[in-house]
Each structure stands twice: as structure tokens, then as C-alpha cells.
Protein backbone atom coordinates (compact mmCIF):
# COMPACT_ATOMS: atom_id res chain seq x y z
CA MET A 1 9.48 -10.25 8.80
CA TYR A 2 8.02 -13.37 7.23
CA ARG A 3 10.15 -16.40 6.34
CA ASP A 4 13.32 -14.35 6.89
CA VAL A 5 12.27 -11.85 4.23
CA LYS A 6 12.24 -8.10 4.92
CA ILE A 7 8.88 -6.53 4.10
CA LEU A 8 8.08 -2.83 3.68
CA GLY A 9 4.63 -1.32 4.08
CA LEU A 10 4.61 1.79 1.86
CA ILE A 11 1.73 4.27 2.12
CA PRO A 12 1.44 6.87 -0.68
CA ALA A 13 -0.29 10.07 0.43
CA ARG A 14 0.21 13.11 -1.75
CA GLY A 15 -1.25 16.50 -0.91
CA GLY A 16 -3.33 18.63 -3.26
CA SER A 17 -6.35 16.38 -3.81
CA LYS A 18 -9.07 18.06 -5.84
CA GLY A 19 -12.26 16.10 -5.14
CA ILE A 20 -12.02 16.21 -1.35
CA LYS A 21 -9.75 18.91 0.09
CA ASP A 22 -6.86 17.40 2.06
CA LYS A 23 -8.44 13.99 1.49
CA ASN A 24 -5.69 11.90 3.05
CA ILE A 25 -6.07 13.68 6.39
CA CYS A 26 -9.81 14.42 6.25
CA ARG A 27 -11.67 13.24 9.36
CA ILE A 28 -13.55 9.96 9.28
CA CYS A 29 -15.23 9.05 12.56
CA GLY A 30 -13.05 11.67 14.21
CA LYS A 31 -9.70 10.41 12.90
CA PRO A 32 -7.61 11.35 9.85
CA LEU A 33 -8.17 9.04 6.90
CA ILE A 34 -4.51 8.01 6.70
CA SER A 35 -4.48 6.92 10.36
CA TYR A 36 -6.57 3.82 9.60
CA THR A 37 -4.01 2.47 7.13
CA ILE A 38 -1.09 3.32 9.41
CA GLU A 39 -2.70 1.57 12.37
CA ALA A 40 -3.53 -1.53 10.30
CA ALA A 41 0.04 -1.66 8.97
CA ASN A 42 1.60 -1.12 12.40
CA THR A 43 -0.38 -4.01 13.89
CA SER A 44 0.61 -6.41 11.10
CA LYS A 45 2.64 -9.39 12.27
CA TYR A 46 4.90 -9.29 9.24
CA LEU A 47 5.77 -5.74 8.18
CA ASP A 48 9.27 -4.64 9.17
CA ASP A 49 8.71 -0.94 8.55
CA VAL A 50 5.80 1.36 7.70
CA VAL A 51 6.79 4.36 5.59
CA VAL A 52 4.64 7.18 4.23
CA THR A 53 5.70 8.91 1.01
CA THR A 54 4.23 12.40 0.76
CA ASN A 55 4.97 15.88 -0.53
CA ASP A 56 2.78 17.55 2.11
CA PRO A 57 4.17 18.62 5.52
CA LYS A 58 0.70 18.38 7.12
CA ILE A 59 0.33 14.78 5.98
CA ALA A 60 3.88 14.03 7.13
CA ASP A 61 3.17 15.41 10.61
CA THR A 62 -0.08 13.45 10.85
CA ALA A 63 1.61 10.24 9.70
CA ARG A 64 4.34 10.59 12.30
CA ALA A 65 1.76 11.30 15.00
CA TYR A 66 0.12 7.95 14.25
CA GLY A 67 3.35 5.98 14.24
CA ALA A 68 4.54 5.88 10.63
CA SER A 69 8.01 6.77 9.44
CA VAL A 70 8.43 9.70 7.03
CA PRO A 71 12.18 9.64 6.36
CA PHE A 72 12.01 11.79 3.20
CA MET A 73 9.66 14.11 1.33
CA ARG A 74 8.42 13.20 -2.13
CA PRO A 75 9.38 15.64 -4.90
CA GLU A 76 6.51 17.79 -6.19
CA GLU A 77 6.98 16.46 -9.73
CA LEU A 78 6.00 13.01 -8.42
CA ALA A 79 2.90 14.31 -6.62
CA ARG A 80 0.90 15.84 -9.45
CA ASP A 81 -2.53 14.78 -10.69
CA THR A 82 -0.82 13.13 -13.64
CA SER A 83 1.85 11.33 -11.59
CA LEU A 84 1.76 7.54 -11.55
CA SER A 85 1.72 5.43 -8.40
CA ILE A 86 4.64 3.36 -9.67
CA GLU A 87 6.74 6.54 -9.91
CA ALA A 88 6.18 7.31 -6.23
CA LEU A 89 6.86 3.69 -5.33
CA MET A 90 10.14 3.51 -7.25
CA HIS A 91 11.29 6.85 -5.84
CA ALA A 92 10.63 5.57 -2.31
CA ILE A 93 12.47 2.29 -2.88
CA HIS A 94 15.51 4.05 -4.37
CA THR A 95 15.57 6.75 -1.67
CA LEU A 96 15.35 4.18 1.12
CA HIS A 97 18.14 2.18 -0.54
CA ASP A 98 20.33 5.31 -0.57
CA MET A 99 19.59 5.66 3.17
CA GLY A 100 20.78 2.11 3.78
CA LYS A 101 17.29 0.64 4.15
CA ASN A 102 16.68 -2.32 1.85
CA PHE A 103 13.64 -4.57 1.56
CA ASP A 104 12.81 -7.74 -0.37
CA ILE A 105 9.04 -7.25 -0.58
CA VAL A 106 6.91 -4.11 -0.69
CA LEU A 107 3.24 -3.76 0.16
CA PHE A 108 1.69 -0.67 -1.43
CA LEU A 109 -1.14 0.40 0.88
CA GLN A 110 -3.24 3.30 -0.35
CA PRO A 111 -4.72 5.36 2.50
CA THR A 112 -8.03 5.70 0.65
CA SER A 113 -8.90 2.15 1.84
CA PRO A 114 -9.51 2.76 5.56
CA LEU A 115 -11.39 -0.49 6.20
CA ARG A 116 -8.57 -2.78 5.13
CA THR A 117 -7.44 -4.54 8.32
CA SER A 118 -4.16 -5.87 9.69
CA ALA A 119 -5.69 -9.34 9.21
CA ASP A 120 -6.13 -8.52 5.50
CA ILE A 121 -2.51 -7.39 5.28
CA ASP A 122 -1.18 -10.54 6.96
CA ALA A 123 -3.43 -12.89 5.00
CA SER A 124 -2.39 -11.26 1.72
CA ILE A 125 1.30 -11.73 2.60
CA GLU A 126 0.67 -15.39 3.39
CA GLU A 127 -1.16 -15.78 0.05
CA PHE A 128 1.71 -14.06 -1.76
CA PHE A 129 4.19 -16.59 -0.40
CA LYS A 130 1.81 -19.51 -0.89
CA MET A 131 1.62 -18.61 -4.59
CA GLY A 132 5.38 -18.54 -5.05
CA ARG A 133 5.87 -14.81 -4.45
CA GLN A 134 4.04 -13.82 -7.62
CA SER A 135 2.71 -10.26 -7.71
CA LEU A 136 -0.57 -9.84 -5.83
CA ALA A 137 -3.44 -7.36 -5.81
CA SER A 138 -6.46 -7.26 -3.53
CA VAL A 139 -9.80 -7.69 -5.28
CA SER A 140 -13.44 -7.73 -4.27
CA PRO A 141 -16.57 -9.12 -5.96
CA VAL A 142 -18.14 -6.75 -8.49
CA ARG A 143 -21.50 -5.24 -7.61
CA ASP A 144 -22.68 -5.09 -11.24
CA HIS A 145 -21.97 -8.28 -13.15
CA PRO A 146 -20.34 -7.77 -16.57
CA LEU A 147 -22.79 -10.24 -18.15
CA LEU A 148 -25.43 -7.52 -17.72
CA MET A 149 -23.23 -4.70 -19.02
CA ARG A 150 -23.52 -3.35 -22.54
CA THR A 151 -21.86 -0.82 -24.83
CA VAL A 152 -23.77 1.19 -27.41
CA GLY A 153 -22.27 1.00 -30.89
CA ALA A 154 -22.14 3.63 -33.61
CA ASP A 155 -25.34 2.10 -35.00
CA GLY A 156 -27.13 2.78 -31.72
CA ARG A 157 -27.47 -0.91 -30.82
CA LEU A 158 -26.48 -2.68 -27.63
CA THR A 159 -23.39 -4.90 -27.65
CA ASN A 160 -22.56 -7.40 -24.93
CA MET A 161 -19.35 -6.81 -23.00
CA LEU A 162 -18.78 -10.58 -22.76
CA ASN A 163 -19.16 -13.17 -25.47
CA GLN A 164 -21.53 -15.20 -23.34
CA SER A 165 -25.29 -15.43 -22.98
CA SER A 166 -26.73 -13.49 -20.06
CA THR A 167 -29.82 -15.72 -19.97
CA CYS A 168 -29.07 -17.41 -16.68
CA ARG A 169 -29.94 -17.05 -13.02
CA ARG A 170 -27.93 -14.46 -11.13
CA GLN A 171 -26.65 -17.13 -8.75
CA ASP A 172 -25.34 -19.11 -11.73
CA MET A 173 -23.28 -16.23 -13.13
CA PRO A 174 -19.52 -16.87 -12.90
CA PRO A 175 -17.75 -14.76 -10.26
CA TYR A 176 -15.98 -11.60 -11.36
CA TYR A 177 -13.76 -9.34 -9.28
CA ARG A 178 -12.37 -5.83 -9.48
CA VAL A 179 -8.97 -4.63 -8.32
CA ASN A 180 -9.90 -2.48 -5.32
CA GLY A 181 -6.59 -0.70 -4.67
CA ALA A 182 -6.27 -1.65 -1.01
CA ILE A 183 -3.23 -3.94 -1.22
CA TYR A 184 -0.53 -4.55 -3.81
CA ILE A 185 2.45 -6.84 -3.13
CA TYR A 186 5.56 -7.04 -5.29
CA ASN A 187 9.11 -8.35 -5.09
CA VAL A 188 11.26 -5.23 -4.99
CA ALA A 189 13.80 -6.74 -7.42
CA GLU A 190 11.06 -7.19 -10.05
CA LEU A 191 9.76 -3.60 -9.96
CA SER A 192 10.42 -1.01 -12.66
CA LEU A 193 8.75 2.15 -13.94
CA ASN A 194 7.00 -0.09 -16.49
CA THR A 195 5.28 -2.15 -13.78
CA SER A 196 1.49 -1.91 -13.82
CA LEU A 197 0.35 -2.52 -10.25
CA ASN A 198 -3.20 -3.33 -11.34
CA ASP A 199 -1.94 -6.15 -13.54
CA ALA A 200 -0.70 -8.30 -10.67
CA LEU A 201 -1.12 -12.05 -11.17
CA VAL A 202 -2.47 -13.32 -7.84
CA PRO A 203 -5.71 -12.19 -6.17
CA TYR A 204 -6.32 -11.60 -2.51
CA ILE A 205 -10.11 -11.64 -2.22
CA MET A 206 -11.45 -9.13 0.30
CA GLU A 207 -14.91 -8.60 1.71
CA LYS A 208 -16.73 -5.75 -0.04
CA SER A 209 -17.07 -3.90 3.24
CA HIS A 210 -13.27 -3.89 3.66
CA ALA A 211 -12.74 -2.54 0.15
CA VAL A 212 -14.43 0.88 0.38
CA ASP A 213 -12.29 3.32 -1.59
CA ILE A 214 -12.62 6.97 -0.56
CA ASP A 215 -13.11 9.09 -3.66
CA ASN A 216 -16.10 11.30 -2.80
CA LEU A 217 -18.28 12.36 0.12
CA GLY A 218 -20.61 9.40 -0.43
CA ASP A 219 -17.68 7.03 0.10
CA ILE A 220 -16.91 8.77 3.41
CA CYS A 221 -20.51 8.24 4.55
CA LEU A 222 -20.31 4.55 3.60
CA ALA A 223 -16.99 4.08 5.41
CA GLU A 224 -18.36 5.77 8.54
CA TYR A 225 -21.42 3.53 8.42
CA TYR A 226 -19.25 0.41 8.41
CA LEU A 227 -16.98 1.80 11.12
CA ASN A 228 -19.95 2.61 13.34
CA ASN A 229 -21.93 -0.59 12.79
CA THR A 230 -21.11 -4.23 13.34
CA ILE A 231 -23.00 -6.06 10.62
CA ASP A 232 -22.92 -9.32 8.71
CA THR A 233 -21.01 -8.35 5.56
CA THR A 234 -21.10 -11.73 3.84
CA SER A 235 -24.24 -10.88 1.85
CA LEU A 236 -23.16 -7.39 0.75
């Protein structure tokens, strides 16, 4: 709890991933992927409960083994490739409400971000309250600056993505960030099926090394590198 407000850490982990089989419980440095998010959430100073929403019994068993609550199973129709994250989130909030468990704030913590730490979780909650409890999403600096990005028009010519000259030193380019999917924070009362999590108003800026998102085997190798090496990440 933070400032007498009940806060839920909700971890979405559907089964049936196509790119990496059983991705949410695949082994990274000897541990299931989802375990890193559960452990970070469980060591947060502010989360009142850590719940996993899943349709997969294997994921549910793994989540419970690492200390998360799995009080219900997600319906299969909300765990398809075409299902939206907000649908799983709203189902979880409504189901918990029906079970007598109500929360003021929800943190949506995707298990594909294993390097997000409990310090990140707590700092993002503090930022959320500092900014008047406006919706928050974690972001990280872009690797490729949009000033150097181009589209190719129907005439075969390059078109700038931004209406700004790219003739400047790299260190003089204005900072840009991408939503990295590691942390979303919303007031429960303000959520609906029309909510776009990626369109949150307030940023929580994370180090790039904490924002690795597991989508393919290369991402697993990168995450394992960071987990196995203590390095200065400020220049990454």
C-alpha cells in the first residue's frame, strides 16, 4: 500500500505463444521467464497483491511456485493471438471484484520484461502519485533516432519522419523514447475496454538494459547477458 491506496500488481501470461514455445515459462539463466517479474513484484514495497492472469495450467502452477496468486483462470477467448491486453486486464479486475478483492490502482507487468526491478516498480508508483495519479507507462530511450528515419513514397523518394532538419550532431538531437511494455499504471476507476495502455500520459524512464522485451531467441541471449554480467549501462 502507498498513501493508503490499495495497489494490485497484475501479470498477464497467456499460453500458446507462437514465436517461442511456452515463452512465459521458458528458461532464462535457469529460471522460468515469468519468475523474474513475480519476484520483482513480490519484493516491491507498495504492491498489496500480485496476481497472474493465465489460461494455461502449466503457467499457473509455475506462478504459484514462485509466490504469485492465481485465483482464477482466464477464459480461452481472452487468450488468443488477437486478444487485447486491456481485455485480460478488465476481466481480471471484474473477476477479483466479484471475489471481494478491490483495488484502487493497478500495475500491469508483462512477464516478457524480466530485467525490470522492484526498484523500477516502486519508483514508477512514486512518479505516478507525484504526477497526480495520471496514467503512466514505462519508456526507454530509442536506439535509432527518428530524425534519421525515412519513409519511401510512391514516387520512390525519401520522406523525413519528422518535420525537422537532421543536419545536427547526434548529441544535439532531442531525446525520444519508446513505450517498452514493462510497466503500466492506471487508476482502476478510469479503466474501460476502450483504454489504450500505450497512450498513457506520464513516462517512467527506464534504463535500456532494464527494458529488454523477450520476443525472440536473440532477446533471450541479450537478457541472459545482462543477468550474467554487471556492467555500466548508462552508455547503452
